[in-house]
Amino acid sequence: MAKTVGPNLPLNEATKAQYEKMVTLDLGDLDKSGIAELTFKGRHG
């Protein structure tokens, strides 16, 4: 629906980008702990 209406959804885009990065790093099965892996340097090797 959002694509049809065309609203600006920056939080949605940021969340999607983080999830896609998690998937490329093989962290896609994690919950919010995956975001910590991306956020805090040195947590993911």
C-alpha atoms as a PDB file:
ATOM      1  CA  MET A   1       0.000   0.000   0.000  1.00  0.00           C
ATOM      2  CA  ALA A   2       2.821   2.405   0.857  1.00  0.00           C
ATOM      3  CA  LYS A   3       4.379   1.959  -2.578  1.00  0.00           C
ATOM      4  CA  THR A   4       1.047   2.831  -4.187  1.00  0.00           C
ATOM      5  CA  VAL A   5       0.404   5.918  -2.046  1.00  0.00           C
ATOM      6  CA  GLY A   6       4.040   7.010  -2.042  1.00  0.00           C
ATOM      7  CA  PRO A   7       4.606   8.344   1.504  1.00  0.00           C
ATOM      8  CA  ASN A   8       8.081   9.100   2.803  1.00  0.00           C
ATOM      9  CA  LEU A   9       8.940   6.305   5.265  1.00  0.00           C
ATOM     10  CA  PRO A  10      12.570   6.806   6.351  1.00  0.00           C
ATOM     11  CA  LEU A  11      12.358   4.511   9.389  1.00  0.00           C
ATOM     12  CA  ASN A  12      10.936   1.737   7.213  1.00  0.00           C
ATOM     13  CA  GLU A  13      13.734   2.182   4.673  1.00  0.00           C
ATOM     14  CA  ALA A  14      16.419   2.186   7.400  1.00  0.00           C
ATOM     15  CA  THR A  15      14.970  -0.958   8.976  1.00  0.00           C
ATOM     16  CA  LYS A  16      14.811  -2.727   5.614  1.00  0.00           C
ATOM     17  CA  ALA A  17      18.411  -1.760   4.843  1.00  0.00           C
ATOM     18  CA  GLN A  18      19.622  -3.113   8.199  1.00  0.00           C
ATOM     19  CA  TYR A  19      17.739  -6.358   7.713  1.00  0.00           C
ATOM     20  CA  GLU A  20      19.178  -6.797   4.223  1.00  0.00           C
ATOM     21  CA  LYS A  21      22.680  -6.218   5.611  1.00  0.00           C
ATOM     22  CA  MET A  22      21.996  -8.782   8.344  1.00  0.00           C
ATOM     23  CA  VAL A  23      20.974 -11.310   5.700  1.00  0.00           C
ATOM     24  CA  THR A  24      24.161 -10.741   3.692  1.00  0.00           C
ATOM     25  CA  LEU A  25      26.193 -11.319   6.885  1.00  0.00           C
ATOM     26  CA  ASP A  26      24.245 -14.526   7.608  1.00  0.00           C
ATOM     27  CA  LEU A  27      22.541 -12.923  10.618  1.00  0.00           C
ATOM     28  CA  GLY A  28      19.040 -12.970   9.157  1.00  0.00           C
ATOM     29  CA  ASP A  29      17.773 -15.589  11.608  1.00  0.00           C
ATOM     30  CA  LEU A  30      18.502 -13.360  14.599  1.00  0.00           C
ATOM     31  CA  ASP A  31      15.989 -11.097  16.298  1.00  0.00           C
ATOM     32  CA  LYS A  32      16.914  -7.626  17.543  1.00  0.00           C
ATOM     33  CA  SER A  33      20.253  -9.066  18.664  1.00  0.00           C
ATOM     34  CA  GLY A  34      21.233  -8.980  14.999  1.00  0.00           C
ATOM     35  CA  ILE A  35      20.996  -5.199  15.056  1.00  0.00           C
ATOM     36  CA  ALA A  36      23.435  -5.172  17.989  1.00  0.00           C
ATOM     37  CA  GLU A  37      25.807  -7.245  15.871  1.00  0.00           C
ATOM     38  CA  LEU A  38      25.721  -4.487  13.238  1.00  0.00           C
ATOM     39  CA  THR A  39      25.778  -1.562  15.656  1.00  0.00           C
ATOM     40  CA  PHE A  40      28.553  -2.406  18.106  1.00  0.00           C
ATOM     41  CA  LYS A  41      31.918  -2.794  16.423  1.00  0.00           C
ATOM     42  CA  GLY A  42      33.831  -5.973  17.177  1.00  0.00           C
ATOM     43  CA  ARG A  43      30.759  -8.053  17.997  1.00  0.00           C
ATOM     44  CA  HIS A  44      30.675  -9.750  14.600  1.00  0.00           C
ATOM     45  CA  GLY A  45      33.841 -11.059  13.022  1.00  0.00           C
END
